[in-house]
Amino acid sequence: MSPLLIAVSRFASLALRILLVLTLVNTIFSTFSWTEKLARGISGTVIREILGMGKAIINYLPDLAVVIMIGFLSVMLMRLLKLVFNGVATQRIVLPGFIRNGPAPPSTC
């Protein structure tokens, strides 16, 4: 099984457990007339917080897309630079005025 699938199933399991506990608490509190207002308050608070988290995730998606695009472009730039430097090293790309047999870079810092 993939780690992503395991993480999703654990999250779903946790969410269902929390939902069951909240349903149980709501059912118990709504059974008695003096705790009915408390049951509605708990339900309202939980629903409001879940909707707030959903809105926050949706509002974050454009920023996430920008970060993913920057990462993708960085990887592509590194691959292009590797291709150019390998071409220069094997003399498939010749740069005028570039001394290929210059001093070697230091091996240690």
C-alpha atoms as a PDB file:
ATOM      1  CA  MET A   1       0.000   0.000   0.000  1.00  0.00           C
ATOM      2  CA  SER A   2       1.228   3.476  -0.765  1.00  0.00           C
ATOM      3  CA  PRO A   3       1.980   5.853   2.108  1.00  0.00           C
ATOM      4  CA  LEU A   4      -0.471   8.402   0.696  1.00  0.00           C
ATOM      5  CA  LEU A   5      -3.317   5.880   0.733  1.00  0.00           C
ATOM      6  CA  ILE A   6      -2.481   4.898   4.304  1.00  0.00           C
ATOM      7  CA  ALA A   7      -2.440   8.560   5.401  1.00  0.00           C
ATOM      8  CA  VAL A   8      -5.783   9.247   3.704  1.00  0.00           C
ATOM      9  CA  SER A   9      -7.391   6.195   5.293  1.00  0.00           C
ATOM     10  CA  ARG A  10      -6.093   7.183   8.746  1.00  0.00           C
ATOM     11  CA  PHE A  11      -7.428  10.702   8.293  1.00  0.00           C
ATOM     12  CA  ALA A  12     -10.810   9.378   7.163  1.00  0.00           C
ATOM     13  CA  SER A  13     -10.917   7.017  10.130  1.00  0.00           C
ATOM     14  CA  LEU A  14     -10.141   9.848  12.551  1.00  0.00           C
ATOM     15  CA  ALA A  15     -12.743  12.112  10.933  1.00  0.00           C
ATOM     16  CA  LEU A  16     -15.404   9.398  11.189  1.00  0.00           C
ATOM     17  CA  ARG A  17     -14.576   8.764  14.847  1.00  0.00           C
ATOM     18  CA  ILE A  18     -14.885  12.459  15.655  1.00  0.00           C
ATOM     19  CA  LEU A  19     -18.159  12.645  13.724  1.00  0.00           C
ATOM     20  CA  LEU A  20     -19.536   9.646  15.634  1.00  0.00           C
ATOM     21  CA  VAL A  21     -18.557  11.129  19.000  1.00  0.00           C
ATOM     22  CA  LEU A  22     -20.152  14.467  18.095  1.00  0.00           C
ATOM     23  CA  THR A  23     -23.307  12.712  16.921  1.00  0.00           C
ATOM     24  CA  LEU A  24     -23.459  10.739  20.156  1.00  0.00           C
ATOM     25  CA  VAL A  25     -22.952  13.861  22.300  1.00  0.00           C
ATOM     26  CA  ASN A  26     -25.533  15.767  20.263  1.00  0.00           C
ATOM     27  CA  THR A  27     -28.050  12.920  20.569  1.00  0.00           C
ATOM     28  CA  ILE A  28     -27.541  12.608  24.323  1.00  0.00           C
ATOM     29  CA  PHE A  29     -27.768  16.366  24.911  1.00  0.00           C
ATOM     30  CA  SER A  30     -30.838  16.807  22.703  1.00  0.00           C
ATOM     31  CA  THR A  31     -32.641  14.036  24.614  1.00  0.00           C
ATOM     32  CA  PHE A  32     -32.987  16.215  27.709  1.00  0.00           C
ATOM     33  CA  SER A  33     -34.828  19.510  27.490  1.00  0.00           C
ATOM     34  CA  TRP A  34     -32.406  21.440  29.733  1.00  0.00           C
ATOM     35  CA  THR A  35     -29.382  20.532  27.538  1.00  0.00           C
ATOM     36  CA  GLU A  36     -31.066  20.974  24.150  1.00  0.00           C
ATOM     37  CA  LYS A  37     -29.654  24.499  23.755  1.00  0.00           C
ATOM     38  CA  LEU A  38     -26.168  23.173  24.495  1.00  0.00           C
ATOM     39  CA  ALA A  39     -26.562  20.500  21.795  1.00  0.00           C
ATOM     40  CA  ARG A  40     -27.503  23.116  19.196  1.00  0.00           C
ATOM     41  CA  GLY A  41     -24.550  25.276  20.285  1.00  0.00           C
ATOM     42  CA  ILE A  42     -22.084  22.399  19.950  1.00  0.00           C
ATOM     43  CA  SER A  43     -23.447  21.444  16.525  1.00  0.00           C
ATOM     44  CA  GLY A  44     -23.338  25.046  15.309  1.00  0.00           C
ATOM     45  CA  THR A  45     -19.793  25.563  16.527  1.00  0.00           C
ATOM     46  CA  VAL A  46     -18.513  22.354  14.936  1.00  0.00           C
ATOM     47  CA  ILE A  47     -20.193  23.084  11.586  1.00  0.00           C
ATOM     48  CA  ARG A  48     -18.916  26.668  11.603  1.00  0.00           C
ATOM     49  CA  GLU A  49     -15.340  25.526  12.275  1.00  0.00           C
ATOM     50  CA  ILE A  50     -15.440  22.827   9.586  1.00  0.00           C
ATOM     51  CA  LEU A  51     -16.727  25.334   7.031  1.00  0.00           C
ATOM     52  CA  GLY A  52     -14.011  27.790   8.095  1.00  0.00           C
ATOM     53  CA  MET A  53     -11.318  25.151   7.563  1.00  0.00           C
ATOM     54  CA  GLY A  54     -12.761  24.307   4.155  1.00  0.00           C
ATOM     55  CA  LYS A  55     -12.735  27.973   3.106  1.00  0.00           C
ATOM     56  CA  ALA A  56      -9.144  28.356   4.335  1.00  0.00           C
ATOM     57  CA  ILE A  57      -8.025  25.343   2.279  1.00  0.00           C
ATOM     58  CA  ILE A  58      -9.791  26.636  -0.838  1.00  0.00           C
ATOM     59  CA  ASN A  59      -8.282  30.110  -0.361  1.00  0.00           C
ATOM     60  CA  TYR A  60      -4.791  28.545  -0.066  1.00  0.00           C
ATOM     61  CA  LEU A  61      -4.983  26.655  -3.375  1.00  0.00           C
ATOM     62  CA  PRO A  62      -3.839  29.572  -5.617  1.00  0.00           C
ATOM     63  CA  ASP A  63      -0.762  30.097  -3.426  1.00  0.00           C
ATOM     64  CA  LEU A  64      -0.050  26.374  -3.535  1.00  0.00           C
ATOM     65  CA  ALA A  65      -0.268  26.430  -7.340  1.00  0.00           C
ATOM     66  CA  VAL A  66       2.327  29.234  -7.453  1.00  0.00           C
ATOM     67  CA  VAL A  67       4.690  27.293  -5.176  1.00  0.00           C
ATOM     68  CA  ILE A  68       4.303  24.143  -7.301  1.00  0.00           C
ATOM     69  CA  MET A  69       4.954  26.143 -10.491  1.00  0.00           C
ATOM     70  CA  ILE A  70       8.100  27.726  -9.022  1.00  0.00           C
ATOM     71  CA  GLY A  71       9.355  24.291  -7.958  1.00  0.00           C
ATOM     72  CA  PHE A  72       8.657  22.820 -11.407  1.00  0.00           C
ATOM     73  CA  LEU A  73      10.434  25.689 -13.178  1.00  0.00           C
ATOM     74  CA  SER A  74      13.412  25.390 -10.824  1.00  0.00           C
ATOM     75  CA  VAL A  75      13.771  21.679 -11.572  1.00  0.00           C
ATOM     76  CA  MET A  76      13.553  22.333 -15.315  1.00  0.00           C
ATOM     77  CA  LEU A  77      16.174  25.107 -15.069  1.00  0.00           C
ATOM     78  CA  MET A  78      18.545  22.799 -13.171  1.00  0.00           C
ATOM     79  CA  ARG A  79      18.108  20.093 -15.820  1.00  0.00           C
ATOM     80  CA  LEU A  80      18.831  22.613 -18.571  1.00  0.00           C
ATOM     81  CA  LEU A  81      21.968  23.846 -16.795  1.00  0.00           C
ATOM     82  CA  LYS A  82      23.151  20.265 -16.293  1.00  0.00           C
ATOM     83  CA  LEU A  83      22.623  19.595 -19.998  1.00  0.00           C
ATOM     84  CA  VAL A  84      24.596  22.708 -20.992  1.00  0.00           C
ATOM     85  CA  PHE A  85      27.478  22.012 -18.592  1.00  0.00           C
ATOM     86  CA  ASN A  86      27.699  18.375 -19.685  1.00  0.00           C
ATOM     87  CA  GLY A  87      27.760  19.563 -23.311  1.00  0.00           C
ATOM     88  CA  VAL A  88      30.603  21.959 -22.554  1.00  0.00           C
ATOM     89  CA  ALA A  89      32.504  19.269 -20.642  1.00  0.00           C
ATOM     90  CA  THR A  90      32.238  16.783 -23.529  1.00  0.00           C
ATOM     91  CA  GLN A  91      32.928  19.540 -26.111  1.00  0.00           C
ATOM     92  CA  ARG A  92      29.575  19.101 -27.848  1.00  0.00           C
ATOM     93  CA  ILE A  93      29.024  22.777 -27.068  1.00  0.00           C
ATOM     94  CA  VAL A  94      31.962  25.059 -27.869  1.00  0.00           C
ATOM     95  CA  LEU A  95      32.065  28.507 -26.307  1.00  0.00           C
ATOM     96  CA  PRO A  96      34.479  30.968 -27.932  1.00  0.00           C
ATOM     97  CA  GLY A  97      37.107  32.186 -25.482  1.00  0.00           C
ATOM     98  CA  PHE A  98      36.320  29.440 -22.951  1.00  0.00           C
ATOM     99  CA  ILE A  99      39.428  27.631 -21.737  1.00  0.00           C
ATOM    100  CA  ARG A 100      38.384  24.028 -21.167  1.00  0.00           C
ATOM    101  CA  ASN A 101      41.635  22.874 -19.567  1.00  0.00           C
ATOM    102  CA  GLY A 102      41.703  25.622 -16.970  1.00  0.00           C
ATOM    103  CA  PRO A 103      42.394  25.069 -13.293  1.00  0.00           C
ATOM    104  CA  ALA A 104      40.376  22.329 -11.611  1.00  0.00           C
ATOM    105  CA  PRO A 105      37.942  23.356  -8.901  1.00  0.00           C
ATOM    106  CA  PRO A 106      39.051  22.686  -5.339  1.00  0.00           C
ATOM    107  CA  SER A 107      38.065  19.246  -4.096  1.00  0.00           C
ATOM    108  CA  THR A 108      37.531  20.319  -0.495  1.00  0.00           C
ATOM    109  CA  CYS A 109      36.199  23.447   1.096  1.00  0.00           C
END
